[in-house]
């Protein structure tokens, strides 16, 4: 296969949001592990006391900032999916997995470790990718919701937070308490870790298998159209 011409696949906005999301997930994962179980600067040097050591406060601040970046990126990505003038891809992005007829050929490729070249695919995403991205959006909403609930859990002194707590208290009851909210938040983190690992593998597999510059496209926006 040879690259006849380049096709503009990803706009600048999509690429920026993609990398913002990746960075936010990386920072949230690292700081999340620390918040769950601090593994450095847990006490003032030379003592067993925590005074004059603000590592937890600083890590939590970074975690919260990254969470707002993640929220911003997810909201804008959904906006692009529905309202982009270049490519409003919401149908393929989130719902192509409902196309049952394409699952057989797609799974055949994936089960033979060739997650590329699905016959008859005329959109950016095959059903497996679409389902993965749909799950990613659902998991993102749940992660942001549970995170925000934990964020406001002990902040009654801040004006307006008590009202927000009351607003989301039915969700807390649905989960069976704040402890379960925290467990759900932690488990969802593992979904994102697995998703990122699988996503990187898929991108590399498509890039090598189809020779269409899938990997570099998220940097420069262009994929190769091939001559078979």
C-alpha atoms as a PDB file:
ATOM      1  CA  UNK A   1       0.000   0.000   0.000  1.00  0.00           C
ATOM      2  CA  UNK A   2       1.227   3.465  -0.845  1.00  0.00           C
ATOM      3  CA  UNK A   3       0.128   6.857   0.387  1.00  0.00           C
ATOM      4  CA  UNK A   4      -1.461   8.636  -2.574  1.00  0.00           C
ATOM      5  CA  UNK A   5      -2.579  11.734  -0.752  1.00  0.00           C
ATOM      6  CA  UNK A   6      -3.163  13.117   2.691  1.00  0.00           C
ATOM      7  CA  UNK A   7      -6.615  13.442   4.204  1.00  0.00           C
ATOM      8  CA  UNK A   8      -7.346  16.020   6.893  1.00  0.00           C
ATOM      9  CA  UNK A   9      -8.773  13.834   9.648  1.00  0.00           C
ATOM     10  CA  UNK A  10      -8.471  15.731  12.946  1.00  0.00           C
ATOM     11  CA  UNK A  11      -8.973  19.442  13.489  1.00  0.00           C
ATOM     12  CA  UNK A  12      -6.715  21.479  15.757  1.00  0.00           C
ATOM     13  CA  UNK A  13      -9.465  21.652  18.363  1.00  0.00           C
ATOM     14  CA  UNK A  14      -9.918  17.880  18.486  1.00  0.00           C
ATOM     15  CA  UNK A  15      -6.168  17.325  18.723  1.00  0.00           C
ATOM     16  CA  UNK A  16      -5.742  19.853  21.533  1.00  0.00           C
ATOM     17  CA  UNK A  17      -8.641  18.310  23.464  1.00  0.00           C
ATOM     18  CA  UNK A  18      -7.217  14.826  22.897  1.00  0.00           C
ATOM     19  CA  UNK A  19      -3.878  15.728  24.469  1.00  0.00           C
ATOM     20  CA  UNK A  20      -5.467  17.787  27.241  1.00  0.00           C
ATOM     21  CA  UNK A  21      -7.582  14.750  28.111  1.00  0.00           C
ATOM     22  CA  UNK A  22      -4.540  12.470  28.082  1.00  0.00           C
ATOM     23  CA  UNK A  23      -2.502  14.801  30.310  1.00  0.00           C
ATOM     24  CA  UNK A  24      -5.430  15.291  32.677  1.00  0.00           C
ATOM     25  CA  UNK A  25      -5.949  11.517  33.009  1.00  0.00           C
ATOM     26  CA  UNK A  26      -2.223  10.975  33.657  1.00  0.00           C
ATOM     27  CA  UNK A  27      -2.117  13.686  36.345  1.00  0.00           C
ATOM     28  CA  UNK A  28      -5.404  12.559  37.908  1.00  0.00           C
ATOM     29  CA  UNK A  29      -4.205   8.950  38.053  1.00  0.00           C
ATOM     30  CA  UNK A  30      -0.876   9.786  39.706  1.00  0.00           C
ATOM     31  CA  UNK A  31      -2.345  12.250  42.191  1.00  0.00           C
ATOM     32  CA  UNK A  32      -5.296   9.918  42.806  1.00  0.00           C
ATOM     33  CA  UNK A  33      -2.953   7.121  43.857  1.00  0.00           C
ATOM     34  CA  UNK A  34      -1.194   9.549  46.198  1.00  0.00           C
ATOM     35  CA  UNK A  35      -4.430  10.806  47.745  1.00  0.00           C
ATOM     36  CA  UNK A  36      -5.572   7.206  48.323  1.00  0.00           C
ATOM     37  CA  UNK A  37      -2.240   6.204  49.884  1.00  0.00           C
ATOM     38  CA  UNK A  38       0.467   8.872  50.304  1.00  0.00           C
ATOM     39  CA  UNK A  39       3.863   7.490  49.343  1.00  0.00           C
ATOM     40  CA  UNK A  40       6.198  10.453  49.879  1.00  0.00           C
ATOM     41  CA  UNK A  41       6.560  13.461  52.202  1.00  0.00           C
ATOM     42  CA  UNK A  42       4.111  11.906  54.633  1.00  0.00           C
ATOM     43  CA  UNK A  43       5.689  13.686  57.591  1.00  0.00           C
ATOM     44  CA  UNK A  44       8.056  16.551  58.369  1.00  0.00           C
ATOM     45  CA  UNK A  45      11.696  15.421  57.887  1.00  0.00           C
ATOM     46  CA  UNK A  46      13.232  14.285  61.179  1.00  0.00           C
ATOM     47  CA  UNK A  47       9.870  13.830  62.879  1.00  0.00           C
ATOM     48  CA  UNK A  48       6.745  11.759  62.670  1.00  0.00           C
ATOM     49  CA  UNK A  49       4.517  14.822  62.568  1.00  0.00           C
ATOM     50  CA  UNK A  50       2.662  16.327  59.605  1.00  0.00           C
ATOM     51  CA  UNK A  51       3.086  19.998  60.493  1.00  0.00           C
ATOM     52  CA  UNK A  52       4.884  22.196  57.966  1.00  0.00           C
ATOM     53  CA  UNK A  53       4.286  19.490  55.380  1.00  0.00           C
ATOM     54  CA  UNK A  54       1.594  20.348  52.850  1.00  0.00           C
ATOM     55  CA  UNK A  55       2.203  17.638  50.280  1.00  0.00           C
ATOM     56  CA  UNK A  56      -1.341  16.273  50.545  1.00  0.00           C
ATOM     57  CA  UNK A  57      -2.864  19.735  50.202  1.00  0.00           C
ATOM     58  CA  UNK A  58      -0.663  20.495  47.191  1.00  0.00           C
ATOM     59  CA  UNK A  59      -1.401  17.136  45.532  1.00  0.00           C
ATOM     60  CA  UNK A  60      -5.137  17.577  46.126  1.00  0.00           C
ATOM     61  CA  UNK A  61      -4.967  21.032  44.549  1.00  0.00           C
ATOM     62  CA  UNK A  62      -3.229  19.613  41.468  1.00  0.00           C
ATOM     63  CA  UNK A  63      -5.837  16.828  41.371  1.00  0.00           C
ATOM     64  CA  UNK A  64      -8.691  19.336  41.457  1.00  0.00           C
ATOM     65  CA  UNK A  65      -7.132  21.526  38.754  1.00  0.00           C
ATOM     66  CA  UNK A  66      -6.620  18.478  36.507  1.00  0.00           C
ATOM     67  CA  UNK A  67     -10.231  17.449  37.177  1.00  0.00           C
ATOM     68  CA  UNK A  68     -11.497  20.808  35.921  1.00  0.00           C
ATOM     69  CA  UNK A  69      -9.269  20.489  32.833  1.00  0.00           C
ATOM     70  CA  UNK A  70     -10.738  17.021  32.264  1.00  0.00           C
ATOM     71  CA  UNK A  71     -14.279  18.381  32.672  1.00  0.00           C
ATOM     72  CA  UNK A  72     -13.531  21.211  30.239  1.00  0.00           C
ATOM     73  CA  UNK A  73     -12.067  18.776  27.674  1.00  0.00           C
ATOM     74  CA  UNK A  74     -14.997  16.329  27.876  1.00  0.00           C
ATOM     75  CA  UNK A  75     -17.617  19.078  27.522  1.00  0.00           C
ATOM     76  CA  UNK A  76     -15.846  20.586  24.499  1.00  0.00           C
ATOM     77  CA  UNK A  77     -15.293  17.159  22.879  1.00  0.00           C
ATOM     78  CA  UNK A  78     -19.025  16.466  23.121  1.00  0.00           C
ATOM     79  CA  UNK A  79     -19.710  19.924  21.704  1.00  0.00           C
ATOM     80  CA  UNK A  80     -17.440  19.161  18.740  1.00  0.00           C
ATOM     81  CA  UNK A  81     -19.136  15.784  18.258  1.00  0.00           C
ATOM     82  CA  UNK A  82     -22.550  17.396  17.889  1.00  0.00           C
ATOM     83  CA  UNK A  83     -21.856  20.861  16.476  1.00  0.00           C
ATOM     84  CA  UNK A  84     -18.537  20.803  14.607  1.00  0.00           C
ATOM     85  CA  UNK A  85     -18.833  22.343  11.133  1.00  0.00           C
ATOM     86  CA  UNK A  86     -15.934  20.202   9.929  1.00  0.00           C
ATOM     87  CA  UNK A  87     -17.053  16.840  11.241  1.00  0.00           C
ATOM     88  CA  UNK A  88     -19.930  16.377  13.663  1.00  0.00           C
ATOM     89  CA  UNK A  89     -19.142  12.705  14.342  1.00  0.00           C
ATOM     90  CA  UNK A  90     -21.486  11.970  17.245  1.00  0.00           C
ATOM     91  CA  UNK A  91     -23.298   9.119  15.479  1.00  0.00           C
ATOM     92  CA  UNK A  92     -20.120   7.188  14.690  1.00  0.00           C
ATOM     93  CA  UNK A  93     -18.294   8.412  17.793  1.00  0.00           C
ATOM     94  CA  UNK A  94     -20.843   7.128  20.293  1.00  0.00           C
ATOM     95  CA  UNK A  95     -23.423   4.951  18.559  1.00  0.00           C
ATOM     96  CA  UNK A  96     -21.833   3.018  15.669  1.00  0.00           C
ATOM     97  CA  UNK A  97     -21.513   0.053  18.040  1.00  0.00           C
ATOM     98  CA  UNK A  98     -25.278  -0.388  17.655  1.00  0.00           C
ATOM     99  CA  UNK A  99     -24.680  -1.500  14.059  1.00  0.00           C
ATOM    100  CA  UNK A 100     -24.909  -5.244  14.687  1.00  0.00           C
ATOM    101  CA  UNK A 101     -24.048  -6.242  11.099  1.00  0.00           C
ATOM    102  CA  UNK A 102     -20.489  -4.904  11.386  1.00  0.00           C
ATOM    103  CA  UNK A 103     -19.642  -6.692  14.614  1.00  0.00           C
ATOM    104  CA  UNK A 104     -18.772 -10.045  12.972  1.00  0.00           C
ATOM    105  CA  UNK A 105     -16.115  -8.703  10.604  1.00  0.00           C
ATOM    106  CA  UNK A 106     -14.794  -6.348  13.286  1.00  0.00           C
ATOM    107  CA  UNK A 107     -14.454  -9.066  15.921  1.00  0.00           C
ATOM    108  CA  UNK A 108     -12.847 -11.377  13.357  1.00  0.00           C
ATOM    109  CA  UNK A 109     -10.089  -8.832  12.883  1.00  0.00           C
ATOM    110  CA  UNK A 110      -9.694  -8.126  16.586  1.00  0.00           C
ATOM    111  CA  UNK A 111      -9.623 -11.796  17.616  1.00  0.00           C
ATOM    112  CA  UNK A 112      -6.847 -12.460  15.091  1.00  0.00           C
ATOM    113  CA  UNK A 113      -4.919  -9.507  16.529  1.00  0.00           C
ATOM    114  CA  UNK A 114      -5.518  -7.419  13.423  1.00  0.00           C
ATOM    115  CA  UNK A 115      -7.739  -4.592  14.714  1.00  0.00           C
ATOM    116  CA  UNK A 116      -7.633  -2.761  11.413  1.00  0.00           C
ATOM    117  CA  UNK A 117      -8.862  -3.022   7.844  1.00  0.00           C
ATOM    118  CA  UNK A 118     -12.458  -3.824   8.770  1.00  0.00           C
ATOM    119  CA  UNK A 119     -14.337  -4.493   5.535  1.00  0.00           C
ATOM    120  CA  UNK A 120     -16.945  -1.956   4.522  1.00  0.00           C
ATOM    121  CA  UNK A 121     -15.984   0.609   7.147  1.00  0.00           C
ATOM    122  CA  UNK A 122     -16.595   4.080   5.747  1.00  0.00           C
ATOM    123  CA  UNK A 123     -16.436   6.129   8.944  1.00  0.00           C
ATOM    124  CA  UNK A 124     -13.674   6.972  11.384  1.00  0.00           C
ATOM    125  CA  UNK A 125     -14.675   4.370  13.955  1.00  0.00           C
ATOM    126  CA  UNK A 126     -15.506   0.695  13.823  1.00  0.00           C
ATOM    127  CA  UNK A 127     -18.069  -0.744  16.292  1.00  0.00           C
ATOM    128  CA  UNK A 128     -15.426  -1.739  18.868  1.00  0.00           C
ATOM    129  CA  UNK A 129     -13.916   1.742  18.844  1.00  0.00           C
ATOM    130  CA  UNK A 130     -17.345   3.332  19.022  1.00  0.00           C
ATOM    131  CA  UNK A 131     -18.329   1.185  22.010  1.00  0.00           C
ATOM    132  CA  UNK A 132     -15.038   1.990  23.732  1.00  0.00           C
ATOM    133  CA  UNK A 133     -15.558   5.740  23.231  1.00  0.00           C
ATOM    134  CA  UNK A 134     -19.187   5.495  24.362  1.00  0.00           C
ATOM    135  CA  UNK A 135     -18.020   3.696  27.524  1.00  0.00           C
ATOM    136  CA  UNK A 136     -15.319   6.352  27.945  1.00  0.00           C
ATOM    137  CA  UNK A 137     -17.898   9.153  27.902  1.00  0.00           C
ATOM    138  CA  UNK A 138     -20.181   7.332  30.374  1.00  0.00           C
ATOM    139  CA  UNK A 139     -17.225   6.556  32.663  1.00  0.00           C
ATOM    140  CA  UNK A 140     -16.055  10.180  32.424  1.00  0.00           C
ATOM    141  CA  UNK A 141     -19.455  11.479  33.508  1.00  0.00           C
ATOM    142  CA  UNK A 142     -19.573   9.037  36.435  1.00  0.00           C
ATOM    143  CA  UNK A 143     -15.979   9.817  37.417  1.00  0.00           C
ATOM    144  CA  UNK A 144     -16.608  13.545  37.376  1.00  0.00           C
ATOM    145  CA  UNK A 145     -19.847  13.099  39.320  1.00  0.00           C
ATOM    146  CA  UNK A 146     -18.322  10.906  42.027  1.00  0.00           C
ATOM    147  CA  UNK A 147     -15.247  13.112  42.178  1.00  0.00           C
ATOM    148  CA  UNK A 148     -17.301  16.258  42.591  1.00  0.00           C
ATOM    149  CA  UNK A 149     -19.334  14.616  45.364  1.00  0.00           C
ATOM    150  CA  UNK A 150     -16.121  13.714  47.200  1.00  0.00           C
ATOM    151  CA  UNK A 151     -14.763  17.207  46.521  1.00  0.00           C
ATOM    152  CA  UNK A 152     -17.704  18.839  48.316  1.00  0.00           C
ATOM    153  CA  UNK A 153     -18.153  16.165  50.995  1.00  0.00           C
ATOM    154  CA  UNK A 154     -16.464  18.036  53.875  1.00  0.00           C
ATOM    155  CA  UNK A 155     -16.709  21.622  52.635  1.00  0.00           C
ATOM    156  CA  UNK A 156     -19.849  22.921  54.364  1.00  0.00           C
ATOM    157  CA  UNK A 157     -18.085  26.177  55.216  1.00  0.00           C
ATOM    158  CA  UNK A 158     -17.950  27.226  51.549  1.00  0.00           C
ATOM    159  CA  UNK A 159     -20.959  29.234  50.462  1.00  0.00           C
ATOM    160  CA  UNK A 160     -23.249  27.250  48.193  1.00  0.00           C
ATOM    161  CA  UNK A 161     -21.607  23.880  48.766  1.00  0.00           C
ATOM    162  CA  UNK A 162     -24.232  22.726  51.263  1.00  0.00           C
ATOM    163  CA  UNK A 163     -26.882  23.220  48.574  1.00  0.00           C
ATOM    164  CA  UNK A 164     -24.810  21.222  46.099  1.00  0.00           C
ATOM    165  CA  UNK A 165     -24.452  18.432  48.647  1.00  0.00           C
ATOM    166  CA  UNK A 166     -28.229  18.294  49.028  1.00  0.00           C
ATOM    167  CA  UNK A 167     -28.605  18.239  45.246  1.00  0.00           C
ATOM    168  CA  UNK A 168     -26.346  15.212  44.870  1.00  0.00           C
ATOM    169  CA  UNK A 169     -27.328  13.433  48.081  1.00  0.00           C
ATOM    170  CA  UNK A 170     -29.768  11.118  46.215  1.00  0.00           C
ATOM    171  CA  UNK A 171     -26.754   9.886  44.214  1.00  0.00           C
ATOM    172  CA  UNK A 172     -24.907   9.229  47.472  1.00  0.00           C
ATOM    173  CA  UNK A 173     -27.898   7.257  48.714  1.00  0.00           C
ATOM    174  CA  UNK A 174     -28.054   5.332  45.429  1.00  0.00           C
ATOM    175  CA  UNK A 175     -24.425   4.279  45.891  1.00  0.00           C
ATOM    176  CA  UNK A 176     -25.037   3.420  49.544  1.00  0.00           C
ATOM    177  CA  UNK A 177     -22.927   6.136  51.159  1.00  0.00           C
ATOM    178  CA  UNK A 178     -19.783   8.194  50.669  1.00  0.00           C
ATOM    179  CA  UNK A 179     -17.536   5.164  51.229  1.00  0.00           C
ATOM    180  CA  UNK A 180     -19.016   3.456  48.177  1.00  0.00           C
ATOM    181  CA  UNK A 181     -18.727   6.692  46.188  1.00  0.00           C
ATOM    182  CA  UNK A 182     -14.995   6.636  46.928  1.00  0.00           C
ATOM    183  CA  UNK A 183     -14.717   2.954  45.934  1.00  0.00           C
ATOM    184  CA  UNK A 184     -16.571   3.639  42.664  1.00  0.00           C
ATOM    185  CA  UNK A 185     -14.291   6.614  41.983  1.00  0.00           C
ATOM    186  CA  UNK A 186     -11.236   4.434  42.535  1.00  0.00           C
ATOM    187  CA  UNK A 187     -12.519   1.554  40.381  1.00  0.00           C
ATOM    188  CA  UNK A 188     -13.369   3.947  37.554  1.00  0.00           C
ATOM    189  CA  UNK A 189      -9.756   5.085  37.620  1.00  0.00           C
ATOM    190  CA  UNK A 190      -8.737   1.559  36.629  1.00  0.00           C
ATOM    191  CA  UNK A 191     -11.097   1.742  33.670  1.00  0.00           C
ATOM    192  CA  UNK A 192      -9.190   4.785  32.399  1.00  0.00           C
ATOM    193  CA  UNK A 193      -5.826   3.092  32.950  1.00  0.00           C
ATOM    194  CA  UNK A 194      -6.951   0.039  30.943  1.00  0.00           C
ATOM    195  CA  UNK A 195      -8.572   2.261  28.299  1.00  0.00           C
ATOM    196  CA  UNK A 196      -5.379   4.268  27.736  1.00  0.00           C
ATOM    197  CA  UNK A 197      -3.238   1.108  27.429  1.00  0.00           C
ATOM    198  CA  UNK A 198      -5.706  -0.467  24.977  1.00  0.00           C
ATOM    199  CA  UNK A 199      -6.047   2.781  23.041  1.00  0.00           C
ATOM    200  CA  UNK A 200      -2.282   3.110  22.568  1.00  0.00           C
ATOM    201  CA  UNK A 201      -2.088  -0.501  21.374  1.00  0.00           C
ATOM    202  CA  UNK A 202      -4.949   0.028  18.905  1.00  0.00           C
ATOM    203  CA  UNK A 203      -3.434   3.210  17.497  1.00  0.00           C
ATOM    204  CA  UNK A 204      -0.074   1.532  16.950  1.00  0.00           C
ATOM    205  CA  UNK A 205      -1.771  -1.552  15.446  1.00  0.00           C
ATOM    206  CA  UNK A 206      -3.774   0.569  13.004  1.00  0.00           C
ATOM    207  CA  UNK A 207      -0.696   2.609  12.118  1.00  0.00           C
ATOM    208  CA  UNK A 208       1.415  -0.468  11.380  1.00  0.00           C
ATOM    209  CA  UNK A 209      -1.362  -2.575   9.847  1.00  0.00           C
ATOM    210  CA  UNK A 210      -2.877   0.046   7.564  1.00  0.00           C
ATOM    211  CA  UNK A 211       0.207   2.238   7.079  1.00  0.00           C
ATOM    212  CA  UNK A 212      -2.055   5.275   7.152  1.00  0.00           C
ATOM    213  CA  UNK A 213      -0.205   7.469   9.668  1.00  0.00           C
ATOM    214  CA  UNK A 214      -2.816   6.942  12.393  1.00  0.00           C
ATOM    215  CA  UNK A 215      -0.274   7.759  15.105  1.00  0.00           C
ATOM    216  CA  UNK A 216       1.110  10.949  13.584  1.00  0.00           C
ATOM    217  CA  UNK A 217      -2.383  12.130  12.604  1.00  0.00           C
ATOM    218  CA  UNK A 218      -3.118  13.149  16.185  1.00  0.00           C
ATOM    219  CA  UNK A 219      -0.105  15.461  15.987  1.00  0.00           C
ATOM    220  CA  UNK A 220      -0.469  16.965  12.494  1.00  0.00           C
ATOM    221  CA  UNK A 221      -4.111  16.159  11.703  1.00  0.00           C
ATOM    222  CA  UNK A 222      -3.451  14.225   8.466  1.00  0.00           C
ATOM    223  CA  UNK A 223      -3.879  10.526   7.657  1.00  0.00           C
ATOM    224  CA  UNK A 224      -2.792   8.796   4.468  1.00  0.00           C
ATOM    225  CA  UNK A 225      -5.249   7.502   1.925  1.00  0.00           C
ATOM    226  CA  UNK A 226      -3.964   4.197   0.626  1.00  0.00           C
ATOM    227  CA  UNK A 227      -3.961   2.526  -2.760  1.00  0.00           C
ATOM    228  CA  UNK A 228      -4.700  -1.185  -2.401  1.00  0.00           C
END
